[in-house]
Amino acid sequence: MVNNTIRELQTMYNRSFFQTKLGQAATASILAMVAFVAMSGQMQMAPSFGSAHAATINCDVELA
């Protein structure tokens, strides 16, 4: 059963598949997801630096 599944995947995702419009759309979708994951990882790191800086600034402020 596993060997049949591997064979089906090998015959479906070959060079001729990626030359079709559906294959090109699949490639574009995969690249878009990879770019989204890469960019969202960078965005998550930025607030941690900003929040640490904001905490330092808030410690220096005195309330009347």
N, C-alpha and C. Protein backbone atom coordinates (compact mmCIF):
# COMPACT_ATOMS: atom_id res chain seq x y z
N MET A 1 0.83 -1.20 0.00
CA MET A 1 0.00 0.00 0.00
C MET A 1 0.87 1.26 0.00
N VAL A 2 1.92 1.29 0.81
CA VAL A 2 2.80 2.45 0.85
C VAL A 2 3.55 2.60 -0.46
N ASN A 3 3.98 1.49 -1.05
CA ASN A 3 4.70 1.55 -2.33
C ASN A 3 3.81 2.11 -3.43
N ASN A 4 2.52 1.75 -3.42
CA ASN A 4 1.60 2.29 -4.43
C ASN A 4 1.44 3.80 -4.26
N THR A 5 1.37 4.27 -3.03
CA THR A 5 1.22 5.70 -2.77
C THR A 5 2.45 6.45 -3.25
N ILE A 6 3.62 5.93 -3.00
CA ILE A 6 4.86 6.57 -3.45
C ILE A 6 4.92 6.62 -4.96
N ARG A 7 4.53 5.53 -5.61
CA ARG A 7 4.53 5.51 -7.08
C ARG A 7 3.54 6.53 -7.64
N GLU A 8 2.37 6.64 -7.01
CA GLU A 8 1.39 7.61 -7.49
C GLU A 8 1.91 9.03 -7.36
N LEU A 9 2.58 9.34 -6.25
CA LEU A 9 3.14 10.68 -6.08
C LEU A 9 4.26 10.95 -7.07
N GLN A 10 5.07 9.94 -7.34
CA GLN A 10 6.17 10.13 -8.28
C GLN A 10 5.65 10.36 -9.69
N THR A 11 4.57 9.70 -10.06
CA THR A 11 4.03 9.90 -11.40
C THR A 11 3.23 11.18 -11.50
N MET A 12 2.65 11.65 -10.40
CA MET A 12 1.87 12.88 -10.45
C MET A 12 2.76 14.12 -10.47
N TYR A 13 3.74 14.15 -9.61
CA TYR A 13 4.59 15.34 -9.49
C TYR A 13 5.89 15.13 -10.26
N ASN A 14 5.78 15.09 -11.57
CA ASN A 14 6.97 14.99 -12.40
C ASN A 14 7.11 16.27 -13.22
N ARG A 15 8.10 16.32 -14.08
CA ARG A 15 8.40 17.53 -14.82
C ARG A 15 7.24 17.97 -15.72
N SER A 16 6.55 17.02 -16.31
CA SER A 16 5.45 17.39 -17.20
C SER A 16 4.28 18.01 -16.41
N PHE A 17 4.09 17.59 -15.16
CA PHE A 17 3.04 18.20 -14.34
C PHE A 17 3.34 19.67 -14.07
N PHE A 18 4.58 19.98 -13.72
CA PHE A 18 4.93 21.36 -13.38
C PHE A 18 5.00 22.26 -14.61
N GLN A 19 4.92 21.69 -15.81
CA GLN A 19 4.87 22.51 -17.02
C GLN A 19 3.43 22.88 -17.39
N THR A 20 2.44 22.27 -16.73
CA THR A 20 1.05 22.61 -16.98
C THR A 20 0.67 23.85 -16.17
N LYS A 21 -0.48 24.44 -16.50
CA LYS A 21 -0.94 25.61 -15.75
C LYS A 21 -1.22 25.25 -14.29
N LEU A 22 -1.78 24.07 -14.06
CA LEU A 22 -2.05 23.64 -12.69
C LEU A 22 -0.74 23.46 -11.92
N GLY A 23 0.25 22.90 -12.56
CA GLY A 23 1.56 22.73 -11.91
C GLY A 23 2.21 24.06 -11.61
N GLN A 24 2.09 25.01 -12.52
CA GLN A 24 2.66 26.34 -12.28
C GLN A 24 1.92 27.05 -11.15
N ALA A 25 0.60 26.86 -11.07
CA ALA A 25 -0.17 27.45 -9.98
C ALA A 25 0.24 26.81 -8.65
N ALA A 26 0.48 25.51 -8.66
CA ALA A 26 0.91 24.82 -7.44
C ALA A 26 2.28 25.34 -7.00
N THR A 27 3.18 25.54 -7.94
CA THR A 27 4.50 26.06 -7.62
C THR A 27 4.40 27.47 -7.05
N ALA A 28 3.57 28.32 -7.66
CA ALA A 28 3.39 29.68 -7.17
C ALA A 28 2.79 29.67 -5.77
N SER A 29 1.86 28.77 -5.52
CA SER A 29 1.25 28.67 -4.19
C SER A 29 2.27 28.25 -3.14
N ILE A 30 3.10 27.28 -3.47
CA ILE A 30 4.14 26.82 -2.54
C ILE A 30 5.13 27.94 -2.25
N LEU A 31 5.55 28.66 -3.27
CA LEU A 31 6.49 29.77 -3.07
C LEU A 31 5.86 30.88 -2.23
N ALA A 32 4.58 31.15 -2.44
CA ALA A 32 3.90 32.17 -1.65
C ALA A 32 3.83 31.77 -0.18
N MET A 33 3.55 30.49 0.09
CA MET A 33 3.50 30.03 1.48
C MET A 33 4.86 30.10 2.15
N VAL A 34 5.91 29.74 1.41
CA VAL A 34 7.27 29.82 1.96
C VAL A 34 7.63 31.27 2.27
N ALA A 35 7.29 32.18 1.36
CA ALA A 35 7.57 33.60 1.60
C ALA A 35 6.78 34.12 2.80
N PHE A 36 5.53 33.69 2.94
CA PHE A 36 4.71 34.13 4.07
C PHE A 36 5.30 33.65 5.39
N VAL A 37 5.73 32.41 5.44
CA VAL A 37 6.32 31.87 6.66
C VAL A 37 7.62 32.61 6.99
N ALA A 38 8.43 32.88 5.98
CA ALA A 38 9.69 33.59 6.21
C ALA A 38 9.43 35.01 6.71
N MET A 39 8.46 35.69 6.12
CA MET A 39 8.18 37.06 6.53
C MET A 39 7.50 37.13 7.89
N SER A 40 6.63 36.18 8.19
CA SER A 40 5.95 36.20 9.49
C SER A 40 6.94 35.88 10.60
N GLY A 41 7.96 35.10 10.33
CA GLY A 41 9.00 34.84 11.32
C GLY A 41 9.79 36.09 11.64
N GLN A 42 10.03 36.92 10.65
CA GLN A 42 10.75 38.16 10.88
C GLN A 42 9.88 39.14 11.65
N MET A 43 8.59 39.14 11.40
CA MET A 43 7.70 40.07 12.08
C MET A 43 7.53 39.71 13.55
N GLN A 44 7.60 38.46 13.90
CA GLN A 44 7.45 38.06 15.29
C GLN A 44 8.66 38.44 16.12
N MET A 45 9.83 38.52 15.50
CA MET A 45 11.03 38.88 16.24
C MET A 45 11.08 40.37 16.53
N ALA A 46 10.53 41.20 15.67
CA ALA A 46 10.62 42.64 15.84
C ALA A 46 9.90 43.14 17.10
N PRO A 47 8.68 42.71 17.41
CA PRO A 47 8.02 43.24 18.61
C PRO A 47 8.73 42.90 19.91
N SER A 48 9.44 41.79 19.97
CA SER A 48 10.12 41.44 21.22
C SER A 48 11.20 42.46 21.55
N PHE A 49 11.89 42.95 20.53
CA PHE A 49 12.89 43.98 20.78
C PHE A 49 12.23 45.30 21.16
N GLY A 50 11.12 45.61 20.50
CA GLY A 50 10.41 46.85 20.81
C GLY A 50 9.79 46.81 22.19
N SER A 51 9.25 45.70 22.60
CA SER A 51 8.62 45.63 23.92
C SER A 51 9.67 45.68 25.03
N ALA A 52 10.84 45.11 24.80
CA ALA A 52 11.90 45.19 25.81
C ALA A 52 12.37 46.63 25.95
N HIS A 53 12.45 47.34 24.84
CA HIS A 53 12.86 48.75 24.87
C HIS A 53 11.79 49.59 25.57
N ALA A 54 10.52 49.28 25.28
CA ALA A 54 9.42 50.03 25.90
C ALA A 54 9.40 49.78 27.41
N ALA A 55 9.71 48.59 27.84
CA ALA A 55 9.73 48.29 29.28
C ALA A 55 10.83 49.08 29.97
N THR A 56 11.96 49.25 29.30
CA THR A 56 13.05 50.03 29.89
C THR A 56 12.65 51.49 30.01
N ILE A 57 11.98 52.01 29.01
CA ILE A 57 11.55 53.39 29.04
C ILE A 57 10.50 53.60 30.13
N ASN A 58 9.56 52.66 30.26
CA ASN A 58 8.50 52.79 31.27
C ASN A 58 9.06 52.73 32.70
N CYS A 59 10.19 52.08 32.91
CA CYS A 59 10.76 52.01 34.26
C CYS A 59 11.31 53.35 34.71
N ASP A 60 11.68 54.21 33.78
CA ASP A 60 12.27 55.49 34.11
C ASP A 60 11.23 56.59 34.36
N VAL A 61 9.97 56.29 34.07
CA VAL A 61 8.92 57.29 34.19
C VAL A 61 8.35 57.25 35.60
N GLU A 62 8.25 58.43 36.26
CA GLU A 62 7.65 58.50 37.60
C GLU A 62 6.22 59.00 37.50
N LEU A 63 5.36 58.40 38.29
CA LEU A 63 3.96 58.83 38.30
C LEU A 63 3.75 59.82 39.45
N ALA A 64 3.00 60.87 39.21
CA ALA A 64 2.77 61.88 40.24
C ALA A 64 1.67 61.50 41.17
